[in-house]
Amino acid sequence: MNEHARITVWVRGRVQRVGFRWFTRENALEIGCLKGFALNLDDGRVQVVAEGPRENCHRLLEWLRSSDTPGNVDGVTEIWGAPRGGYDGFAIR
């Protein structure tokens, strides 16, 4: 199952000013073959967009829902879709 996917995730909780985007990028790079970004939103959430093998997107989502993330995650919402492309690596925005 080498299908590629796109996942857009919104992470709620104390996830800004704790290195959350940096650790998300590092985790995405460690998982491998993921492109996208992590972005602080004005309402205090972090948005994560990742494209790559579906299994790798699932691994990143599992990490975002785990207790291994910095700060304190209160909830995670995700939407799956088809990859759109246009990303050069995994960025912090």
PDB file of N, CA and C in Angstrom:
ATOM      1  N   MET A   1       0.848  -1.194   0.000  1.00  0.00           N
ATOM      2  CA  MET A   1       0.000   0.000   0.000  1.00  0.00           C
ATOM      3  C   MET A   1       0.879   1.238   0.000  1.00  0.00           C
ATOM      4  N   ASN A   2       1.268   1.664  -1.176  1.00  0.00           N
ATOM      5  CA  ASN A   2       2.168   2.791  -1.331  1.00  0.00           C
ATOM      6  C   ASN A   2       1.416   4.045  -1.753  1.00  0.00           C
ATOM      7  N   GLU A   3       0.131   4.075  -1.481  1.00  0.00           N
ATOM      8  CA  GLU A   3      -0.708   5.201  -1.865  1.00  0.00           C
ATOM      9  C   GLU A   3      -0.266   6.473  -1.142  1.00  0.00           C
ATOM     10  N   HIS A   4      -0.259   7.585  -1.888  1.00  0.00           N
ATOM     11  CA  HIS A   4       0.081   8.873  -1.295  1.00  0.00           C
ATOM     12  C   HIS A   4      -1.194   9.602  -0.889  1.00  0.00           C
ATOM     13  N   ALA A   5      -1.079  10.420   0.146  1.00  0.00           N
ATOM     14  CA  ALA A   5      -2.237  11.136   0.680  1.00  0.00           C
ATOM     15  C   ALA A   5      -1.801  12.513   1.168  1.00  0.00           C
ATOM     16  N   ARG A   6      -2.790  13.310   1.465  1.00  0.00           N
ATOM     17  CA  ARG A   6      -2.594  14.622   2.084  1.00  0.00           C
ATOM     18  C   ARG A   6      -3.443  14.638   3.348  1.00  0.00           C
ATOM     19  N   ILE A   7      -2.844  15.100   4.425  1.00  0.00           N
ATOM     20  CA  ILE A   7      -3.596  15.250   5.661  1.00  0.00           C
ATOM     21  C   ILE A   7      -3.434  16.691   6.148  1.00  0.00           C
ATOM     22  N   THR A   8      -4.559  17.289   6.513  1.00  0.00           N
ATOM     23  CA  THR A   8      -4.550  18.613   7.138  1.00  0.00           C
ATOM     24  C   THR A   8      -5.034  18.407   8.564  1.00  0.00           C
ATOM     25  N   VAL A   9      -4.237  18.878   9.510  1.00  0.00           N
ATOM     26  CA  VAL A   9      -4.506  18.639  10.927  1.00  0.00           C
ATOM     27  C   VAL A   9      -4.534  19.975  11.671  1.00  0.00           C
ATOM     28  N   TRP A  10      -5.505  20.106  12.568  1.00  0.00           N
ATOM     29  CA  TRP A  10      -5.563  21.257  13.468  1.00  0.00           C
ATOM     30  C   TRP A  10      -5.388  20.729  14.883  1.00  0.00           C
ATOM     31  N   VAL A  11      -4.378  21.259  15.574  1.00  0.00           N
ATOM     32  CA  VAL A  11      -4.048  20.792  16.918  1.00  0.00           C
ATOM     33  C   VAL A  11      -4.421  21.892  17.914  1.00  0.00           C
ATOM     34  N   ARG A  12      -5.257  21.533  18.906  1.00  0.00           N
ATOM     35  CA  ARG A  12      -5.712  22.477  19.929  1.00  0.00           C
ATOM     36  C   ARG A  12      -4.997  22.199  21.246  1.00  0.00           C
ATOM     37  N   GLY A  13      -4.876  23.234  22.050  1.00  0.00           N
ATOM     38  CA  GLY A  13      -4.266  23.116  23.368  1.00  0.00           C
ATOM     39  C   GLY A  13      -3.179  24.158  23.544  1.00  0.00           C
ATOM     40  N   ARG A  14      -2.256  23.882  24.459  1.00  0.00           N
ATOM     41  CA  ARG A  14      -1.109  24.785  24.650  1.00  0.00           C
ATOM     42  C   ARG A  14      -0.008  24.300  23.713  1.00  0.00           C
ATOM     43  N   VAL A  15      -0.099  24.755  22.450  1.00  0.00           N
ATOM     44  CA  VAL A  15       0.785  24.252  21.404  1.00  0.00           C
ATOM     45  C   VAL A  15       1.570  25.356  20.703  1.00  0.00           C
ATOM     46  N   GLN A  16       1.455  26.570  21.198  1.00  0.00           N
ATOM     47  CA  GLN A  16       2.278  27.658  20.665  1.00  0.00           C
ATOM     48  C   GLN A  16       3.261  28.111  21.736  1.00  0.00           C
ATOM     49  N   ARG A  17       4.429  28.564  21.277  1.00  0.00           N
ATOM     50  CA  ARG A  17       5.520  29.023  22.161  1.00  0.00           C
ATOM     51  C   ARG A  17       6.111  27.891  23.002  1.00  0.00           C
ATOM     52  N   VAL A  18       6.006  26.654  22.482  1.00  0.00           N
ATOM     53  CA  VAL A  18       6.576  25.502  23.188  1.00  0.00           C
ATOM     54  C   VAL A  18       7.442  24.657  22.249  1.00  0.00           C
ATOM     55  N   GLY A  19       7.729  25.173  21.042  1.00  0.00           N
ATOM     56  CA  GLY A  19       8.528  24.426  20.076  1.00  0.00           C
ATOM     57  C   GLY A  19       7.737  23.402  19.291  1.00  0.00           C
ATOM     58  N   PHE A  20       6.415  23.527  19.312  1.00  0.00           N
ATOM     59  CA  PHE A  20       5.568  22.512  18.685  1.00  0.00           C
ATOM     60  C   PHE A  20       5.833  22.379  17.184  1.00  0.00           C
ATOM     61  N   ARG A  21       5.926  23.497  16.475  1.00  0.00           N
ATOM     62  CA  ARG A  21       6.160  23.443  15.024  1.00  0.00           C
ATOM     63  C   ARG A  21       7.515  22.824  14.714  1.00  0.00           C
ATOM     64  N   TRP A  22       8.532  23.196  15.491  1.00  0.00           N
ATOM     65  CA  TRP A  22       9.876  22.672  15.269  1.00  0.00           C
ATOM     66  C   TRP A  22       9.893  21.159  15.460  1.00  0.00           C
ATOM     67  N   PHE A  23       9.307  20.686  16.560  1.00  0.00           N
ATOM     68  CA  PHE A  23       9.276  19.248  16.818  1.00  0.00           C
ATOM     69  C   PHE A  23       8.412  18.510  15.786  1.00  0.00           C
ATOM     70  N   THR A  24       7.349  19.156  15.310  1.00  0.00           N
ATOM     71  CA  THR A  24       6.531  18.546  14.269  1.00  0.00           C
ATOM     72  C   THR A  24       7.351  18.365  12.997  1.00  0.00           C
ATOM     73  N   ARG A  25       8.110  19.395  12.633  1.00  0.00           N
ATOM     74  CA  ARG A  25       8.973  19.294  11.445  1.00  0.00           C
ATOM     75  C   ARG A  25      10.008  18.196  11.631  1.00  0.00           C
ATOM     76  N   GLU A  26      10.668  18.163  12.778  1.00  0.00           N
ATOM     77  CA  GLU A  26      11.678  17.139  13.035  1.00  0.00           C
ATOM     78  C   GLU A  26      11.084  15.742  12.959  1.00  0.00           C
ATOM     79  N   ASN A  27       9.882  15.573  13.509  1.00  0.00           N
ATOM     80  CA  ASN A  27       9.232  14.272  13.479  1.00  0.00           C
ATOM     81  C   ASN A  27       8.868  13.886  12.051  1.00  0.00           C
ATOM     82  N   ALA A  28       8.362  14.832  11.269  1.00  0.00           N
ATOM     83  CA  ALA A  28       8.018  14.562   9.868  1.00  0.00           C
ATOM     84  C   ALA A  28       9.260  14.149   9.083  1.00  0.00           C
ATOM     85  N   LEU A  29      10.375  14.831   9.335  1.00  0.00           N
ATOM     86  CA  LEU A  29      11.616  14.491   8.637  1.00  0.00           C
ATOM     87  C   LEU A  29      12.127  13.118   9.064  1.00  0.00           C
ATOM     88  N   GLU A  30      11.981  12.798  10.352  1.00  0.00           N
ATOM     89  CA  GLU A  30      12.422  11.493  10.850  1.00  0.00           C
ATOM     90  C   GLU A  30      11.563  10.368  10.252  1.00  0.00           C
ATOM     91  N   ILE A  31      10.268  10.585  10.158  1.00  0.00           N
ATOM     92  CA  ILE A  31       9.377   9.598   9.537  1.00  0.00           C
ATOM     93  C   ILE A  31       9.785   9.410   8.081  1.00  0.00           C
ATOM     94  N   GLY A  32      10.068  10.511   7.405  1.00  0.00           N
ATOM     95  CA  GLY A  32      10.565  10.469   6.035  1.00  0.00           C
ATOM     96  C   GLY A  32       9.477  10.555   4.977  1.00  0.00           C
ATOM     97  N   CYS A  33       9.865  11.072   3.819  1.00  0.00           N
ATOM     98  CA  CYS A  33       9.011  11.157   2.628  1.00  0.00           C
ATOM     99  C   CYS A  33       7.767  11.999   2.850  1.00  0.00           C
ATOM    100  N   LEU A  34       7.801  12.942   3.790  1.00  0.00           N
ATOM    101  CA  LEU A  34       6.666  13.833   4.015  1.00  0.00           C
ATOM    102  C   LEU A  34       7.060  15.260   3.641  1.00  0.00           C
ATOM    103  N   LYS A  35       6.167  15.928   2.953  1.00  0.00           N
ATOM    104  CA  LYS A  35       6.350  17.334   2.607  1.00  0.00           C
ATOM    105  C   LYS A  35       5.141  18.105   3.109  1.00  0.00           C
ATOM    106  N   GLY A  36       5.348  19.352   3.469  1.00  0.00           N
ATOM    107  CA  GLY A  36       4.248  20.170   3.950  1.00  0.00           C
ATOM    108  C   GLY A  36       4.739  21.259   4.866  1.00  0.00           C
ATOM    109  N   PHE A  37       3.953  21.557   5.915  1.00  0.00           N
ATOM    110  CA  PHE A  37       4.315  22.651   6.818  1.00  0.00           C
ATOM    111  C   PHE A  37       3.561  22.551   8.135  1.00  0.00           C
ATOM    112  N   ALA A  38       4.067  23.307   9.112  1.00  0.00           N
ATOM    113  CA  ALA A  38       3.390  23.515  10.395  1.00  0.00           C
ATOM    114  C   ALA A  38       3.279  25.024  10.586  1.00  0.00           C
ATOM    115  N   LEU A  39       2.100  25.492  10.963  1.00  0.00           N
ATOM    116  CA  LEU A  39       1.796  26.920  11.002  1.00  0.00           C
ATOM    117  C   LEU A  39       1.020  27.271  12.264  1.00  0.00           C
ATOM    118  N   ASN A  40       1.458  28.311  12.991  1.00  0.00           N
ATOM    119  CA  ASN A  40       0.688  28.838  14.117  1.00  0.00           C
ATOM    120  C   ASN A  40      -0.504  29.626  13.585  1.00  0.00           C
ATOM    121  N   LEU A  41      -1.676  29.367  14.115  1.00  0.00           N
ATOM    122  CA  LEU A  41      -2.879  30.113  13.746  1.00  0.00           C
ATOM    123  C   LEU A  41      -3.176  31.166  14.808  1.00  0.00           C
ATOM    124  N   ASP A  42      -3.886  32.206  14.408  1.00  0.00           N
ATOM    125  CA  ASP A  42      -4.190  33.316  15.314  1.00  0.00           C
ATOM    126  C   ASP A  42      -5.021  32.889  16.520  1.00  0.00           C
ATOM    127  N   ASP A  43      -5.790  31.811  16.400  1.00  0.00           N
ATOM    128  CA  ASP A  43      -6.651  31.376  17.494  1.00  0.00           C
ATOM    129  C   ASP A  43      -5.940  30.453  18.493  1.00  0.00           C
ATOM    130  N   GLY A  44      -4.625  30.271  18.347  1.00  0.00           N
ATOM    131  CA  GLY A  44      -3.860  29.469  19.294  1.00  0.00           C
ATOM    132  C   GLY A  44      -3.615  28.036  18.857  1.00  0.00           C
ATOM    133  N   ARG A  45      -4.263  27.608  17.771  1.00  0.00           N
ATOM    134  CA  ARG A  45      -4.036  26.255  17.271  1.00  0.00           C
ATOM    135  C   ARG A  45      -2.805  26.223  16.368  1.00  0.00           C
ATOM    136  N   VAL A  46      -2.346  25.017  16.068  1.00  0.00           N
ATOM    137  CA  VAL A  46      -1.306  24.808  15.061  1.00  0.00           C
ATOM    138  C   VAL A  46      -1.935  23.989  13.943  1.00  0.00           C
ATOM    139  N   GLN A  47      -1.724  24.447  12.709  1.00  0.00           N
ATOM    140  CA  GLN A  47      -2.179  23.699  11.541  1.00  0.00           C
ATOM    141  C   GLN A  47      -0.981  22.963  10.961  1.00  0.00           C
ATOM    142  N   VAL A  48      -1.173  21.693  10.659  1.00  0.00           N
ATOM    143  CA  VAL A  48      -0.131  20.869  10.050  1.00  0.00           C
ATOM    144  C   VAL A  48      -0.694  20.297   8.762  1.00  0.00           C
ATOM    145  N   VAL A  49       0.034  20.489   7.667  1.00  0.00           N
ATOM    146  CA  VAL A  49      -0.318  19.879   6.389  1.00  0.00           C
ATOM    147  C   VAL A  49       0.840  18.982   5.993  1.00  0.00           C
ATOM    148  N   ALA A  50       0.533  17.727   5.691  1.00  0.00           N
ATOM    149  CA  ALA A  50       1.574  16.779   5.294  1.00  0.00           C
ATOM    150  C   ALA A  50       1.098  15.968   4.107  1.00  0.00           C
ATOM    151  N   GLU A  51       2.007  15.769   3.160  1.00  0.00           N
ATOM    152  CA  GLU A  51       1.737  14.929   2.004  1.00  0.00           C
ATOM    153  C   GLU A  51       2.841  13.902   1.879  1.00  0.00           C
ATOM    154  N   GLY A  52       2.449  12.689   1.505  1.00  0.00           N
ATOM    155  CA  GLY A  52       3.413  11.618   1.321  1.00  0.00           C
ATOM    156  C   GLY A  52       2.712  10.290   1.410  1.00  0.00           C
ATOM    157  N   PRO A  53       3.466   9.218   1.608  1.00  0.00           N
ATOM    158  CA  PRO A  53       2.832   7.902   1.744  1.00  0.00           C
ATOM    159  C   PRO A  53       1.795   7.918   2.875  1.00  0.00           C
ATOM    160  N   ARG A  54       0.638   7.333   2.612  1.00  0.00           N
ATOM    161  CA  ARG A  54      -0.467   7.340   3.588  1.00  0.00           C
ATOM    162  C   ARG A  54      -0.006   6.819   4.947  1.00  0.00           C
ATOM    163  N   GLU A  55       0.792   5.750   4.948  1.00  0.00           N
ATOM    164  CA  GLU A  55       1.274   5.173   6.204  1.00  0.00           C
ATOM    165  C   GLU A  55       2.107   6.191   6.991  1.00  0.00           C
ATOM    166  N   ASN A  56       2.917   6.987   6.300  1.00  0.00           N
ATOM    167  CA  ASN A  56       3.739   7.992   6.971  1.00  0.00           C
ATOM    168  C   ASN A  56       2.876   9.126   7.512  1.00  0.00           C
ATOM    169  N   CYS A  57       1.832   9.497   6.782  1.00  0.00           N
ATOM    170  CA  CYS A  57       0.891  10.507   7.286  1.00  0.00           C
ATOM    171  C   CYS A  57       0.216  10.003   8.555  1.00  0.00           C
ATOM    172  N   HIS A  58      -0.150   8.726   8.571  1.00  0.00           N
ATOM    173  CA  HIS A  58      -0.745   8.132   9.771  1.00  0.00           C
ATOM    174  C   HIS A  58       0.231   8.178  10.942  1.00  0.00           C
ATOM    175  N   ARG A  59       1.501   7.909  10.679  1.00  0.00           N
ATOM    176  CA  ARG A  59       2.503   7.933  11.747  1.00  0.00           C
ATOM    177  C   ARG A  59       2.639   9.343  12.334  1.00  0.00           C
ATOM    178  N   LEU A  60       2.626  10.369  11.473  1.00  0.00           N
ATOM    179  CA  LEU A  60       2.700  11.740  11.969  1.00  0.00           C
ATOM    180  C   LEU A  60       1.454  12.068  12.789  1.00  0.00           C
ATOM    181  N   LEU A  61       0.287  11.661  12.318  1.00  0.00           N
ATOM    182  CA  LEU A  61      -0.956  11.900  13.050  1.00  0.00           C
ATOM    183  C   LEU A  61      -0.926  11.219  14.416  1.00  0.00           C
ATOM    184  N   GLU A  62      -0.432  10.000  14.464  1.00  0.00           N
ATOM    185  CA  GLU A  62      -0.306   9.294  15.752  1.00  0.00           C
ATOM    186  C   GLU A  62       0.592  10.067  16.703  1.00  0.00           C
ATOM    187  N   TRP A  63       1.692  10.602  16.184  1.00  0.00           N
ATOM    188  CA  TRP A  63       2.591  11.383  17.036  1.00  0.00           C
ATOM    189  C   TRP A  63       1.893  12.650  17.530  1.00  0.00           C
ATOM    190  N   LEU A  64       1.158  13.336  16.652  1.00  0.00           N
ATOM    191  CA  LEU A  64       0.460  14.557  17.053  1.00  0.00           C
ATOM    192  C   LEU A  64      -0.563  14.281  18.149  1.00  0.00           C
ATOM    193  N   ARG A  65      -1.119  13.078  18.175  1.00  0.00           N
ATOM    194  CA  ARG A  65      -2.111  12.701  19.189  1.00  0.00           C
ATOM    195  C   ARG A  65      -1.471  12.108  20.446  1.00  0.00           C
ATOM    196  N   SER A  66      -0.175  11.878  20.421  1.00  0.00           N
ATOM    197  CA  SER A  66       0.492  11.196  21.530  1.00  0.00           C
ATOM    198  C   SER A  66       0.871  12.176  22.641  1.00  0.00           C
ATOM    199  N   SER A  67       1.380  11.633  23.736  1.00  0.00           N
ATOM    200  CA  SER A  67       1.859  12.467  24.841  1.00  0.00           C
ATOM    201  C   SER A  67       3.312  12.871  24.636  1.00  0.00           C
ATOM    202  N   ASP A  68       3.899  12.530  23.473  1.00  0.00           N
ATOM    203  CA  ASP A  68       5.300  12.876  23.192  1.00  0.00           C
ATOM    204  C   ASP A  68       5.468  14.273  22.631  1.00  0.00           C
ATOM    205  N   THR A  69       4.378  14.969  22.338  1.00  0.00           N
ATOM    206  CA  THR A  69       4.476  16.304  21.763  1.00  0.00           C
ATOM    207  C   THR A  69       4.803  17.323  22.854  1.00  0.00           C
ATOM    208  N   PRO A  70       5.447  18.440  22.476  1.00  0.00           N
ATOM    209  CA  PRO A  70       5.668  19.495  23.468  1.00  0.00           C
ATOM    210  C   PRO A  70       4.349  20.196  23.792  1.00  0.00           C
ATOM    211  N   GLY A  71       4.311  20.867  24.915  1.00  0.00           N
ATOM    212  CA  GLY A  71       3.092  21.564  25.310  1.00  0.00           C
ATOM    213  C   GLY A  71       2.049  20.594  25.817  1.00  0.00           C
ATOM    214  N   ASN A  72       0.794  20.915  25.533  1.00  0.00           N
ATOM    215  CA  ASN A  72      -0.320  20.098  26.003  1.00  0.00           C
ATOM    216  C   ASN A  72      -1.393  20.077  24.922  1.00  0.00           C
ATOM    217  N   VAL A  73      -1.573  18.946  24.273  1.00  0.00           N
ATOM    218  CA  VAL A  73      -2.565  18.811  23.209  1.00  0.00           C
ATOM    219  C   VAL A  73      -3.910  18.435  23.831  1.00  0.00           C
ATOM    220  N   ASP A  74      -4.927  19.271  23.573  1.00  0.00           N
ATOM    221  CA  ASP A  74      -6.280  19.008  24.059  1.00  0.00           C
ATOM    222  C   ASP A  74      -7.126  18.280  23.020  1.00  0.00           C
ATOM    223  N   GLY A  75      -6.785  18.428  21.756  1.00  0.00           N
ATOM    224  CA  GLY A  75      -7.559  17.769  20.717  1.00  0.00           C
ATOM    225  C   GLY A  75      -6.916  17.917  19.354  1.00  0.00           C
ATOM    226  N   VAL A  76      -7.227  16.983  18.478  1.00  0.00           N
ATOM    227  CA  VAL A  76      -6.686  16.959  17.116  1.00  0.00           C
ATOM    228  C   VAL A  76      -7.836  16.667  16.155  1.00  0.00           C
ATOM    229  N   THR A  77      -7.950  17.484  15.121  1.00  0.00           N
ATOM    230  CA  THR A  77      -8.946  17.276  14.075  1.00  0.00           C
ATOM    231  C   THR A  77      -8.195  17.133  12.760  1.00  0.00           C
ATOM    232  N   GLU A  78      -8.581  16.129  11.950  1.00  0.00           N
ATOM    233  CA  GLU A  78      -7.886  15.956  10.681  1.00  0.00           C
ATOM    234  C   GLU A  78      -8.862  15.775   9.535  1.00  0.00           C
ATOM    235  N   ILE A  79      -8.385  16.152   8.357  1.00  0.00           N
ATOM    236  CA  ILE A  79      -9.106  15.936   7.107  1.00  0.00           C
ATOM    237  C   ILE A  79      -8.114  15.294   6.130  1.00  0.00           C
ATOM    238  N   TRP A  80      -8.534  14.195   5.506  1.00  0.00           N
ATOM    239  CA  TRP A  80      -7.703  13.498   4.523  1.00  0.00           C
ATOM    240  C   TRP A  80      -8.131  13.907   3.120  1.00  0.00           C
ATOM    241  N   GLY A  81      -7.166  13.902   2.202  1.00  0.00           N
ATOM    242  CA  GLY A  81      -7.464  14.205   0.810  1.00  0.00           C
ATOM    243  C   GLY A  81      -6.357  13.730  -0.101  1.00  0.00           C
ATOM    244  N   ALA A  82      -6.480  14.103  -1.358  1.00  0.00           N
ATOM    245  CA  ALA A  82      -5.474  13.753  -2.357  1.00  0.00           C
ATOM    246  C   ALA A  82      -4.339  14.775  -2.311  1.00  0.00           C
ATOM    247  N   PRO A  83      -3.104  14.341  -2.532  1.00  0.00           N
ATOM    248  CA  PRO A  83      -1.983  15.270  -2.542  1.00  0.00           C
ATOM    249  C   PRO A  83      -2.160  16.336  -3.629  1.00  0.00           C
ATOM    250  N   ARG A  84      -1.723  17.550  -3.307  1.00  0.00           N
ATOM    251  CA  ARG A  84      -1.794  18.664  -4.262  1.00  0.00           C
ATOM    252  C   ARG A  84      -0.416  19.046  -4.777  1.00  0.00           C
ATOM    253  N   GLY A  85       0.618  18.662  -4.015  1.00  0.00           N
ATOM    254  CA  GLY A  85       1.981  18.994  -4.425  1.00  0.00           C
ATOM    255  C   GLY A  85       2.315  20.450  -4.156  1.00  0.00           C
ATOM    256  N   GLY A  86       3.474  20.864  -4.620  1.00  0.00           N
ATOM    257  CA  GLY A  86       3.894  22.251  -4.477  1.00  0.00           C
ATOM    258  C   GLY A  86       4.708  22.550  -3.238  1.00  0.00           C
ATOM    259  N   TYR A  87       5.056  21.528  -2.443  1.00  0.00           N
ATOM    260  CA  TYR A  87       5.847  21.748  -1.247  1.00  0.00           C
ATOM    261  C   TYR A  87       7.277  21.308  -1.495  1.00  0.00           C
ATOM    262  N   ASP A  88       8.197  22.091  -0.955  1.00  0.00           N
ATOM    263  CA  ASP A  88       9.615  21.772  -1.060  1.00  0.00           C
ATOM    264  C   ASP A  88      10.112  21.424   0.338  1.00  0.00           C
ATOM    265  N   GLY A  89      10.014  20.173   0.714  1.00  0.00           N
ATOM    266  CA  GLY A  89      10.411  19.769   2.055  1.00  0.00           C
ATOM    267  C   GLY A  89       9.282  19.996   3.044  1.00  0.00           C
ATOM    268  N   PHE A  90       9.659  20.073   4.324  1.00  0.00           N
ATOM    269  CA  PHE A  90       8.680  20.306   5.378  1.00  0.00           C
ATOM    270  C   PHE A  90       9.075  21.598   6.099  1.00  0.00           C
ATOM    271  N   ALA A  91       8.225  22.597   6.037  1.00  0.00           N
ATOM    272  CA  ALA A  91       8.566  23.947   6.485  1.00  0.00           C
ATOM    273  C   ALA A  91       7.878  24.315   7.791  1.00  0.00           C
ATOM    274  N   ILE A  92       8.495  25.244   8.497  1.00  0.00           N
ATOM    275  CA  ILE A  92       7.868  25.913   9.627  1.00  0.00           C
ATOM    276  C   ILE A  92       7.427  27.272   9.117  1.00  0.00           C
ATOM    277  N   ARG A  93       6.150  27.548   9.245  1.00  0.00           N
ATOM    278  CA  ARG A  93       5.637  28.846   8.759  1.00  0.00           C
ATOM    279  C   ARG A  93       5.163  29.677   9.912  1.00  0.00           C
TER     280      ARG A  93
END
